[in-house]
Amino acid sequence: RVSHAIAELANGTVVLNARDYVNQSIKAVHRSIAWSNDGGRTFTPVYFAPTLPDPVVEGSMIFGRNTDAALGVGQPLFFTNPASYVGRANITLKMSTDGSATWSTVHVVQEGSGMYSSVVQFPDGSLGVQWDDGHDGPVTHAGLTNETFVRLVLSKR
């Protein structure tokens, strides 16, 4: 699986969101973020996002082009990963309304073992999240028998 995710914001900024192999020995690993204002030819120095804990695993990010304007969040970025420092667990959907500098939890999709998630936004603005479900134990490998999918409709809190 891919170890990074890339999305383009409405203003043309390219956002790179990647696994953090650098800090994995300190047991407080966060996703690494970098931005490009020249179409991805060059990127800023890496920023370790404190609101994106990650057990060094794949994550998925998209630009929320079809997000309902009535929600008042504009066109945010959406991101899924196992939101944990130590294990591939707690698949979580997060949202950033500031170009990925900060992230807030939208929904804990599944507590417990899981990894390798993907997120998609449908034309109606709803989101689909797919992940490898570890069921009652750690996921040892990705396989079609572990695939789980949920469709989420966003609403104001």
N, C-alpha and C. Protein backbone atom coordinates (compact mmCIF):
# COMPACT_ATOMS: atom_id res chain seq x y z
N ARG A 1 0.82 -1.19 0.00
CA ARG A 1 0.00 0.00 0.00
C ARG A 1 0.86 1.25 0.00
N VAL A 2 0.28 2.34 -0.42
CA VAL A 2 0.97 3.62 -0.48
C VAL A 2 1.18 4.15 0.93
N SER A 3 2.31 4.78 1.18
CA SER A 3 2.59 5.28 2.52
C SER A 3 2.27 6.77 2.67
N HIS A 4 1.77 7.39 1.61
CA HIS A 4 1.45 8.81 1.69
C HIS A 4 0.16 9.09 0.93
N ALA A 5 -0.40 10.27 1.19
CA ALA A 5 -1.60 10.72 0.50
C ALA A 5 -1.36 12.16 0.04
N ILE A 6 -1.90 12.50 -1.12
CA ILE A 6 -1.73 13.83 -1.68
C ILE A 6 -3.10 14.36 -2.09
N ALA A 7 -3.33 15.65 -1.80
CA ALA A 7 -4.57 16.31 -2.22
C ALA A 7 -4.25 17.73 -2.65
N GLU A 8 -5.05 18.26 -3.56
CA GLU A 8 -4.89 19.64 -4.00
C GLU A 8 -6.05 20.47 -3.47
N LEU A 9 -5.73 21.57 -2.80
CA LEU A 9 -6.75 22.47 -2.27
C LEU A 9 -7.31 23.35 -3.39
N ALA A 10 -8.40 24.03 -3.10
CA ALA A 10 -9.05 24.90 -4.09
C ALA A 10 -8.12 25.99 -4.60
N ASN A 11 -7.18 26.44 -3.77
CA ASN A 11 -6.25 27.51 -4.18
C ASN A 11 -5.03 26.99 -4.93
N GLY A 12 -4.97 25.68 -5.19
CA GLY A 12 -3.87 25.09 -5.93
C GLY A 12 -2.75 24.54 -5.07
N THR A 13 -2.77 24.78 -3.76
CA THR A 13 -1.76 24.22 -2.87
C THR A 13 -1.88 22.70 -2.85
N VAL A 14 -0.75 22.03 -3.00
CA VAL A 14 -0.71 20.57 -2.91
C VAL A 14 -0.28 20.21 -1.49
N VAL A 15 -1.03 19.31 -0.85
CA VAL A 15 -0.74 18.87 0.51
C VAL A 15 -0.29 17.42 0.46
N LEU A 16 0.84 17.14 1.08
CA LEU A 16 1.38 15.79 1.19
C LEU A 16 1.26 15.35 2.65
N ASN A 17 0.66 14.20 2.88
CA ASN A 17 0.43 13.66 4.22
C ASN A 17 1.05 12.27 4.22
N ALA A 18 2.07 12.03 5.06
CA ALA A 18 2.82 10.78 4.97
C ALA A 18 3.06 10.14 6.33
N ARG A 19 3.38 8.85 6.28
CA ARG A 19 3.84 8.13 7.46
C ARG A 19 5.09 8.82 7.99
N ASP A 20 5.33 8.69 9.28
CA ASP A 20 6.51 9.29 9.91
C ASP A 20 7.45 8.18 10.34
N TYR A 21 8.41 7.86 9.51
CA TYR A 21 9.41 6.86 9.87
C TYR A 21 10.52 7.44 10.73
N VAL A 22 10.64 8.76 10.77
CA VAL A 22 11.73 9.43 11.48
C VAL A 22 11.58 9.30 12.99
N ASN A 23 10.38 9.53 13.51
CA ASN A 23 10.16 9.61 14.96
C ASN A 23 9.59 8.34 15.58
N GLN A 24 9.58 7.22 14.86
CA GLN A 24 8.89 6.04 15.37
C GLN A 24 9.50 5.46 16.65
N SER A 25 10.73 5.77 16.96
CA SER A 25 11.34 5.23 18.17
C SER A 25 10.89 5.95 19.44
N ILE A 26 10.26 7.12 19.31
CA ILE A 26 9.88 7.87 20.51
C ILE A 26 8.46 7.57 20.99
N LYS A 27 7.75 6.72 20.30
CA LYS A 27 6.40 6.28 20.68
C LYS A 27 5.40 7.42 20.81
N ALA A 28 5.59 8.47 20.03
CA ALA A 28 4.63 9.58 19.95
C ALA A 28 4.65 10.07 18.52
N VAL A 29 4.38 9.15 17.62
CA VAL A 29 4.51 9.42 16.20
C VAL A 29 3.26 10.14 15.68
N HIS A 30 3.49 11.15 14.88
CA HIS A 30 2.42 11.89 14.23
C HIS A 30 2.66 11.86 12.72
N ARG A 31 1.59 12.02 11.94
CA ARG A 31 1.73 12.11 10.49
C ARG A 31 2.58 13.32 10.13
N SER A 32 3.33 13.21 9.05
CA SER A 32 4.13 14.32 8.57
C SER A 32 3.40 15.00 7.41
N ILE A 33 3.41 16.33 7.43
CA ILE A 33 2.70 17.13 6.44
C ILE A 33 3.69 18.07 5.77
N ALA A 34 3.53 18.27 4.46
CA ALA A 34 4.31 19.26 3.73
C ALA A 34 3.41 19.86 2.66
N TRP A 35 3.69 21.09 2.28
CA TRP A 35 2.87 21.81 1.31
C TRP A 35 3.72 22.23 0.12
N SER A 36 3.06 22.32 -1.04
CA SER A 36 3.72 22.80 -2.25
C SER A 36 2.85 23.86 -2.91
N ASN A 37 3.48 24.95 -3.30
CA ASN A 37 2.76 26.00 -4.02
C ASN A 37 3.19 26.09 -5.48
N ASP A 38 3.91 25.07 -5.94
CA ASP A 38 4.34 25.07 -7.34
C ASP A 38 3.97 23.76 -8.04
N GLY A 39 2.81 23.23 -7.69
CA GLY A 39 2.31 22.02 -8.35
C GLY A 39 3.02 20.74 -7.96
N GLY A 40 3.73 20.73 -6.85
CA GLY A 40 4.39 19.54 -6.36
C GLY A 40 5.85 19.42 -6.77
N ARG A 41 6.40 20.43 -7.38
CA ARG A 41 7.82 20.38 -7.75
C ARG A 41 8.71 20.51 -6.52
N THR A 42 8.32 21.36 -5.57
CA THR A 42 9.05 21.51 -4.31
C THR A 42 8.04 21.54 -3.17
N PHE A 43 8.51 21.16 -1.97
CA PHE A 43 7.65 21.13 -0.79
C PHE A 43 8.34 21.86 0.36
N THR A 44 7.52 22.34 1.29
CA THR A 44 8.03 22.97 2.50
C THR A 44 8.72 21.91 3.36
N PRO A 45 9.47 22.35 4.37
CA PRO A 45 9.98 21.37 5.34
C PRO A 45 8.79 20.65 6.00
N VAL A 46 9.03 19.44 6.46
CA VAL A 46 7.99 18.60 7.04
C VAL A 46 7.53 19.17 8.38
N TYR A 47 6.22 19.10 8.59
CA TYR A 47 5.56 19.50 9.83
C TYR A 47 4.93 18.24 10.41
N PHE A 48 5.19 17.94 11.68
CA PHE A 48 4.60 16.77 12.31
C PHE A 48 3.31 17.20 13.02
N ALA A 49 2.18 16.81 12.48
CA ALA A 49 0.87 17.26 12.93
C ALA A 49 0.50 16.65 14.28
N PRO A 50 0.45 17.46 15.35
CA PRO A 50 0.17 16.91 16.69
C PRO A 50 -1.24 16.35 16.84
N THR A 51 -2.16 16.72 15.94
CA THR A 51 -3.53 16.21 16.03
C THR A 51 -3.75 14.99 15.13
N LEU A 52 -2.64 14.43 14.58
CA LEU A 52 -2.74 13.22 13.76
C LEU A 52 -1.80 12.13 14.28
N PRO A 53 -2.14 11.50 15.43
CA PRO A 53 -1.32 10.38 15.89
C PRO A 53 -1.38 9.26 14.85
N ASP A 54 -0.30 8.49 14.74
CA ASP A 54 -0.24 7.46 13.71
C ASP A 54 0.73 6.37 14.13
N PRO A 55 0.34 5.09 13.99
CA PRO A 55 1.24 4.00 14.35
C PRO A 55 2.15 3.58 13.19
N VAL A 56 2.50 4.50 12.33
CA VAL A 56 3.31 4.28 11.12
C VAL A 56 2.60 3.29 10.22
N VAL A 57 1.55 3.80 9.58
CA VAL A 57 0.73 2.98 8.68
C VAL A 57 0.13 3.89 7.62
N GLU A 58 -0.40 3.31 6.59
CA GLU A 58 -1.03 4.04 5.50
C GLU A 58 -2.24 4.82 6.01
N GLY A 59 -2.51 5.96 5.38
CA GLY A 59 -3.69 6.75 5.66
C GLY A 59 -4.21 7.30 4.34
N SER A 60 -5.41 7.81 4.33
CA SER A 60 -6.02 8.31 3.11
C SER A 60 -6.54 9.72 3.32
N MET A 61 -6.33 10.59 2.33
CA MET A 61 -6.75 11.99 2.44
C MET A 61 -7.37 12.44 1.12
N ILE A 62 -8.46 13.22 1.23
CA ILE A 62 -9.10 13.78 0.04
C ILE A 62 -9.51 15.22 0.29
N PHE A 63 -9.70 15.95 -0.79
CA PHE A 63 -10.24 17.31 -0.74
C PHE A 63 -11.75 17.19 -0.82
N GLY A 64 -12.46 17.79 0.13
CA GLY A 64 -13.91 17.68 0.22
C GLY A 64 -14.65 18.64 -0.71
N ARG A 65 -14.45 18.49 -1.99
CA ARG A 65 -15.05 19.36 -3.00
C ARG A 65 -16.58 19.42 -2.92
N ASN A 66 -17.22 18.31 -2.56
CA ASN A 66 -18.69 18.23 -2.55
C ASN A 66 -19.31 18.42 -1.17
N THR A 67 -18.57 18.99 -0.23
CA THR A 67 -19.10 19.20 1.11
C THR A 67 -20.22 20.24 1.09
N ASP A 68 -21.32 19.93 1.74
CA ASP A 68 -22.50 20.79 1.79
C ASP A 68 -22.14 22.14 2.41
N ALA A 69 -22.40 23.23 1.68
CA ALA A 69 -22.10 24.59 2.17
C ALA A 69 -22.84 24.90 3.47
N ALA A 70 -24.00 24.29 3.68
CA ALA A 70 -24.79 24.53 4.88
C ALA A 70 -24.07 24.08 6.15
N LEU A 71 -23.06 23.22 6.03
CA LEU A 71 -22.30 22.76 7.20
C LEU A 71 -21.37 23.85 7.72
N GLY A 72 -21.07 24.84 6.88
CA GLY A 72 -20.24 25.96 7.32
C GLY A 72 -18.76 25.65 7.49
N VAL A 73 -18.27 24.60 6.83
CA VAL A 73 -16.85 24.24 6.95
C VAL A 73 -16.09 24.42 5.64
N GLY A 74 -16.74 24.97 4.64
CA GLY A 74 -16.09 25.15 3.34
C GLY A 74 -15.84 23.83 2.66
N GLN A 75 -14.69 23.73 2.01
CA GLN A 75 -14.28 22.50 1.35
C GLN A 75 -13.05 21.97 2.09
N PRO A 76 -13.27 21.20 3.15
CA PRO A 76 -12.16 20.75 3.99
C PRO A 76 -11.41 19.58 3.38
N LEU A 77 -10.31 19.24 4.02
CA LEU A 77 -9.64 17.98 3.75
C LEU A 77 -10.22 16.95 4.71
N PHE A 78 -10.36 15.72 4.24
CA PHE A 78 -10.77 14.60 5.09
C PHE A 78 -9.65 13.58 5.09
N PHE A 79 -9.44 12.94 6.24
CA PHE A 79 -8.35 11.99 6.40
C PHE A 79 -8.80 10.82 7.26
N THR A 80 -8.38 9.61 6.89
CA THR A 80 -8.65 8.43 7.72
C THR A 80 -7.35 7.70 8.00
N ASN A 81 -7.24 7.17 9.21
CA ASN A 81 -6.13 6.31 9.61
C ASN A 81 -6.47 5.67 10.95
N PRO A 82 -5.65 4.72 11.40
CA PRO A 82 -5.79 4.24 12.77
C PRO A 82 -5.22 5.32 13.70
N ALA A 83 -6.05 6.03 14.40
CA ALA A 83 -5.62 7.16 15.24
C ALA A 83 -5.11 6.65 16.57
N SER A 84 -3.88 6.15 16.55
CA SER A 84 -3.27 5.56 17.73
C SER A 84 -1.77 5.76 17.64
N TYR A 85 -1.12 5.90 18.77
CA TYR A 85 0.34 6.00 18.79
C TYR A 85 1.02 4.64 18.73
N VAL A 86 0.35 3.61 19.20
CA VAL A 86 1.04 2.35 19.42
C VAL A 86 0.55 1.17 18.61
N GLY A 87 -0.67 1.21 18.11
CA GLY A 87 -1.17 0.05 17.40
C GLY A 87 -2.10 0.44 16.27
N ARG A 88 -2.27 -0.46 15.36
CA ARG A 88 -3.17 -0.24 14.24
C ARG A 88 -4.60 -0.47 14.70
N ALA A 89 -5.16 0.59 15.31
CA ALA A 89 -6.48 0.49 15.92
C ALA A 89 -7.18 1.84 15.86
N ASN A 90 -8.48 1.81 16.01
CA ASN A 90 -9.33 3.01 16.08
C ASN A 90 -9.34 3.81 14.77
N ILE A 91 -9.90 3.21 13.74
CA ILE A 91 -10.02 3.88 12.45
C ILE A 91 -10.88 5.12 12.65
N THR A 92 -10.31 6.27 12.30
CA THR A 92 -10.94 7.55 12.59
C THR A 92 -10.97 8.44 11.36
N LEU A 93 -12.10 9.12 11.16
CA LEU A 93 -12.25 10.11 10.11
C LEU A 93 -11.99 11.48 10.74
N LYS A 94 -11.04 12.22 10.16
CA LYS A 94 -10.73 13.57 10.66
C LYS A 94 -10.93 14.58 9.55
N MET A 95 -11.03 15.85 9.96
CA MET A 95 -11.28 16.93 9.01
C MET A 95 -10.36 18.10 9.34
N SER A 96 -9.85 18.76 8.29
CA SER A 96 -9.06 19.97 8.45
C SER A 96 -9.68 21.08 7.60
N THR A 97 -9.95 22.20 8.24
CA THR A 97 -10.52 23.35 7.52
C THR A 97 -9.46 24.43 7.28
N ASP A 98 -8.20 24.13 7.64
CA ASP A 98 -7.13 25.12 7.47
C ASP A 98 -5.97 24.58 6.63
N GLY A 99 -6.27 23.72 5.67
CA GLY A 99 -5.25 23.23 4.76
C GLY A 99 -4.33 22.18 5.34
N SER A 100 -4.69 21.55 6.40
CA SER A 100 -4.05 20.42 7.10
C SER A 100 -3.10 20.82 8.22
N ALA A 101 -3.16 22.07 8.67
CA ALA A 101 -2.36 22.48 9.82
C ALA A 101 -2.91 21.86 11.11
N THR A 102 -4.24 21.81 11.23
CA THR A 102 -4.88 21.20 12.40
C THR A 102 -6.00 20.29 11.92
N TRP A 103 -6.32 19.31 12.74
CA TRP A 103 -7.33 18.31 12.40
C TRP A 103 -8.26 18.09 13.58
N SER A 104 -9.53 17.87 13.30
CA SER A 104 -10.49 17.53 14.34
C SER A 104 -11.16 16.20 13.98
N THR A 105 -11.55 15.47 15.00
CA THR A 105 -12.22 14.18 14.78
C THR A 105 -13.65 14.42 14.36
N VAL A 106 -14.03 13.80 13.25
CA VAL A 106 -15.41 13.83 12.77
C VAL A 106 -16.16 12.61 13.31
N HIS A 107 -15.50 11.45 13.23
CA HIS A 107 -16.18 10.22 13.63
C HIS A 107 -15.15 9.10 13.84
N VAL A 108 -15.25 8.38 14.95
CA VAL A 108 -14.48 7.16 15.13
C VAL A 108 -15.26 6.07 14.40
N VAL A 109 -14.71 5.62 13.30
CA VAL A 109 -15.40 4.67 12.43
C VAL A 109 -15.45 3.30 13.07
N GLN A 110 -14.34 2.87 13.64
CA GLN A 110 -14.31 1.58 14.33
C GLN A 110 -13.28 1.62 15.44
N GLU A 111 -13.68 1.23 16.63
CA GLU A 111 -12.72 1.05 17.72
C GLU A 111 -12.12 -0.33 17.58
N GLY A 112 -10.92 -0.49 18.06
CA GLY A 112 -10.27 -1.79 17.97
C GLY A 112 -9.43 -1.91 16.72
N SER A 113 -8.96 -3.11 16.49
CA SER A 113 -7.98 -3.40 15.45
C SER A 113 -8.47 -3.08 14.04
N GLY A 114 -7.63 -2.34 13.30
CA GLY A 114 -7.93 -2.03 11.91
C GLY A 114 -6.79 -1.24 11.30
N MET A 115 -6.68 -1.27 9.96
CA MET A 115 -5.62 -0.54 9.27
C MET A 115 -6.00 -0.32 7.82
N TYR A 116 -5.10 0.31 7.08
CA TYR A 116 -5.22 0.53 5.64
C TYR A 116 -6.60 1.02 5.24
N SER A 117 -6.86 2.27 5.55
CA SER A 117 -8.16 2.86 5.26
C SER A 117 -8.11 3.71 4.00
N SER A 118 -9.28 3.92 3.42
CA SER A 118 -9.44 4.80 2.27
C SER A 118 -10.69 5.62 2.49
N VAL A 119 -10.70 6.85 1.95
CA VAL A 119 -11.87 7.70 2.07
C VAL A 119 -12.21 8.26 0.69
N VAL A 120 -13.49 8.36 0.41
CA VAL A 120 -13.99 8.92 -0.85
C VAL A 120 -15.18 9.81 -0.53
N GLN A 121 -15.38 10.85 -1.34
CA GLN A 121 -16.57 11.68 -1.16
C GLN A 121 -17.45 11.51 -2.40
N PHE A 122 -18.73 11.27 -2.15
CA PHE A 122 -19.69 11.08 -3.23
C PHE A 122 -20.26 12.43 -3.66
N PRO A 123 -20.88 12.50 -4.84
CA PRO A 123 -21.44 13.76 -5.33
C PRO A 123 -22.43 14.42 -4.37
N ASP A 124 -23.12 13.63 -3.53
CA ASP A 124 -24.07 14.21 -2.59
C ASP A 124 -23.39 14.74 -1.32
N GLY A 125 -22.07 14.64 -1.23
CA GLY A 125 -21.33 15.13 -0.08
C GLY A 125 -21.07 14.09 0.99
N SER A 126 -21.76 12.96 0.94
CA SER A 126 -21.51 11.91 1.94
C SER A 126 -20.12 11.32 1.70
N LEU A 127 -19.60 10.67 2.72
CA LEU A 127 -18.25 10.10 2.66
C LEU A 127 -18.32 8.59 2.80
N GLY A 128 -17.48 7.91 2.06
CA GLY A 128 -17.32 6.47 2.21
C GLY A 128 -15.97 6.19 2.80
N VAL A 129 -15.91 5.32 3.80
CA VAL A 129 -14.66 4.92 4.42
C VAL A 129 -14.56 3.39 4.32
N GLN A 130 -13.44 2.93 3.82
CA GLN A 130 -13.14 1.50 3.70
C GLN A 130 -11.88 1.24 4.52
N TRP A 131 -11.79 0.08 5.15
CA TRP A 131 -10.60 -0.27 5.91
C TRP A 131 -10.50 -1.77 6.07
N ASP A 132 -9.31 -2.22 6.44
CA ASP A 132 -9.07 -3.63 6.75
C ASP A 132 -9.41 -3.83 8.22
N ASP A 133 -10.44 -4.58 8.50
CA ASP A 133 -10.96 -4.81 9.84
C ASP A 133 -10.18 -5.95 10.50
N GLY A 134 -9.60 -5.65 11.66
CA GLY A 134 -8.85 -6.66 12.39
C GLY A 134 -9.72 -7.58 13.23
N HIS A 135 -11.04 -7.31 13.27
CA HIS A 135 -11.98 -8.09 14.07
C HIS A 135 -11.52 -8.13 15.52
N ASP A 136 -11.22 -9.27 16.05
CA ASP A 136 -10.88 -9.36 17.47
C ASP A 136 -9.39 -9.39 17.76
N GLY A 137 -8.57 -9.18 16.78
CA GLY A 137 -7.14 -9.23 17.03
C GLY A 137 -6.39 -8.36 16.04
N PRO A 138 -5.10 -8.32 16.17
CA PRO A 138 -4.33 -7.47 15.25
C PRO A 138 -4.42 -7.99 13.83
N VAL A 139 -4.44 -7.06 12.89
CA VAL A 139 -4.42 -7.43 11.48
C VAL A 139 -3.00 -7.82 11.14
N THR A 140 -2.83 -9.01 10.59
CA THR A 140 -1.48 -9.46 10.25
C THR A 140 -1.16 -9.21 8.78
N HIS A 141 -2.16 -9.09 7.95
CA HIS A 141 -1.95 -8.77 6.54
C HIS A 141 -3.27 -8.28 5.96
N ALA A 142 -3.16 -7.53 4.88
CA ALA A 142 -4.36 -7.04 4.22
C ALA A 142 -4.94 -8.16 3.37
N GLY A 143 -6.23 -8.29 3.39
CA GLY A 143 -6.89 -9.31 2.58
C GLY A 143 -8.33 -8.94 2.33
N LEU A 144 -8.87 -9.39 1.24
CA LEU A 144 -10.25 -9.04 0.89
C LEU A 144 -11.26 -9.50 1.93
N THR A 145 -10.96 -10.55 2.67
CA THR A 145 -11.91 -11.01 3.67
C THR A 145 -12.01 -10.05 4.84
N ASN A 146 -11.06 -9.12 4.96
CA ASN A 146 -11.07 -8.16 6.07
C ASN A 146 -11.67 -6.81 5.69
N GLU A 147 -12.01 -6.60 4.42
CA GLU A 147 -12.47 -5.30 3.96
C GLU A 147 -13.84 -4.95 4.54
N THR A 148 -13.95 -3.73 5.07
CA THR A 148 -15.20 -3.23 5.63
C THR A 148 -15.44 -1.84 5.06
N PHE A 149 -16.70 -1.48 4.84
CA PHE A 149 -17.05 -0.19 4.25
C PHE A 149 -18.23 0.41 4.99
N VAL A 150 -18.19 1.74 5.18
CA VAL A 150 -19.31 2.44 5.78
C VAL A 150 -19.51 3.76 5.02
N ARG A 151 -20.75 4.19 4.89
CA ARG A 151 -21.06 5.47 4.26
C ARG A 151 -21.57 6.40 5.35
N LEU A 152 -21.00 7.62 5.41
CA LEU A 152 -21.32 8.57 6.47
C LEU A 152 -21.91 9.84 5.87
N VAL A 153 -22.96 10.35 6.49
CA VAL A 153 -23.56 11.61 6.09
C VAL A 153 -23.16 12.66 7.12
N LEU A 154 -22.56 13.73 6.66
CA LEU A 154 -22.11 14.79 7.56
C LEU A 154 -23.28 15.67 7.98
N SER A 155 -23.27 16.12 9.21
CA SER A 155 -24.30 17.04 9.71
C SER A 155 -23.67 17.97 10.74
N LYS A 156 -24.35 19.06 11.01
CA LYS A 156 -23.87 19.97 12.05
C LYS A 156 -24.05 19.31 13.41
N ARG A 157 -23.17 19.62 14.34
CA ARG A 157 -23.29 19.05 15.69
C ARG A 157 -24.29 19.82 16.48
